[in-house]
Structures are given as C-alpha cells and as structure tokens.
Amino acid sequence: MVKIEVDRTQCQNFGECVLAAPNVFSLNAKDEMEYVPVADDSELDNVEAAVDVCPMQAIALR
C-alpha cells in the first residue's frame, strides 16, 4: 500500500495532483483538495508523479 500525507498548511489547491493521480486526489465542490491517505500499490507511479508536480511540495509518501 502507498501511504500519502499532505501538508494542509502548504497545499494551495492548485490541482496538479488531481491531473497526475485522479484515482487518489480530487477537488471537491469548494475546490479544496481531497485524497485517499492509503492507495493501492498500482497507484505508486501516479502518486510519485503528483509529488513531483505539486508546486507547493505539499505531498509526501510515508
């Protein structure tokens, strides 16, 4: 399993993570990022891409 942590004090809800890993990250009706804290191993490449593209570097794998 892929454990994901998002620093909410850093996240600015740009949504780049949603484009990289749409099965893990999403924007809700208020345009606030939501995510699955533990994803399937099949999502690892996508989550790593989301970590890389986050302009605020708010996403980390644990």
Protein backbone atom coordinates (compact mmCIF):
# COMPACT_ATOMS: atom_id res chain seq x y z
CA MET A 1 0.00 0.00 0.00
CA VAL A 2 1.08 3.57 -0.72
CA LYS A 3 0.75 5.87 2.29
CA ILE A 4 0.24 9.51 1.41
CA GLU A 5 0.48 12.60 3.56
CA VAL A 6 -0.48 16.13 2.53
CA ASP A 7 0.65 19.18 4.47
CA ARG A 8 -2.55 21.20 4.50
CA THR A 9 -0.65 24.33 5.57
CA GLN A 10 1.35 24.09 2.32
CA CYS A 11 -1.38 22.95 -0.10
CA GLN A 12 -2.90 25.77 -2.16
CA ASN A 13 -5.38 23.54 -4.06
CA PHE A 14 -3.81 24.09 -7.48
CA GLY A 15 -5.00 20.63 -8.53
CA GLU A 16 -1.84 19.44 -10.28
CA CYS A 17 -2.03 16.28 -8.16
CA VAL A 18 -5.53 15.60 -9.48
CA LEU A 19 -4.22 15.57 -13.03
CA ALA A 20 -1.34 13.25 -12.10
CA ALA A 21 -3.27 10.81 -9.90
CA PRO A 22 -7.04 11.22 -10.35
CA ASN A 23 -7.83 7.97 -8.52
CA VAL A 24 -6.14 9.31 -5.38
CA PHE A 25 -6.62 13.10 -5.45
CA SER A 26 -9.70 15.18 -6.28
CA LEU A 27 -11.09 18.68 -5.85
CA ASN A 28 -14.40 18.92 -4.01
CA ALA A 29 -17.25 21.35 -4.71
CA LYS A 30 -15.35 24.07 -2.82
CA ASP A 31 -12.25 23.44 -4.99
CA GLU A 32 -10.43 22.01 -1.97
CA MET A 33 -8.17 19.03 -2.47
CA GLU A 34 -9.25 15.69 -1.06
CA TYR A 35 -7.25 12.49 -1.16
CA VAL A 36 -7.12 8.85 -0.21
CA PRO A 37 -4.45 8.54 2.53
CA VAL A 38 -3.68 4.91 1.65
CA ALA A 39 -3.75 3.92 -2.01
CA ASP A 40 -3.21 0.65 -3.81
CA ASP A 41 0.33 -0.14 -4.97
CA SER A 42 -0.87 0.15 -8.57
CA GLU A 43 -1.13 3.92 -7.99
CA LEU A 44 2.52 4.34 -6.94
CA ASP A 45 3.74 5.80 -10.24
CA ASN A 46 0.85 8.25 -10.38
CA VAL A 47 1.30 9.34 -6.76
CA GLU A 48 5.04 9.82 -7.30
CA ALA A 49 4.17 12.00 -10.30
CA ALA A 50 1.79 14.01 -8.11
CA VAL A 51 4.57 14.53 -5.56
CA ASP A 52 6.84 15.78 -8.35
CA VAL A 53 4.33 18.20 -9.90
CA CYS A 54 3.00 19.74 -6.70
CA PRO A 55 4.13 23.38 -6.90
CA MET A 56 3.99 23.72 -3.11
CA GLN A 57 5.74 20.38 -2.40
CA ALA A 58 2.88 19.59 -0.01
CA ILE A 59 2.64 15.85 -0.80
CA ALA A 60 4.83 13.17 0.73
CA LEU A 61 4.93 9.39 0.66
CA ARG A 62 5.18 7.67 4.03
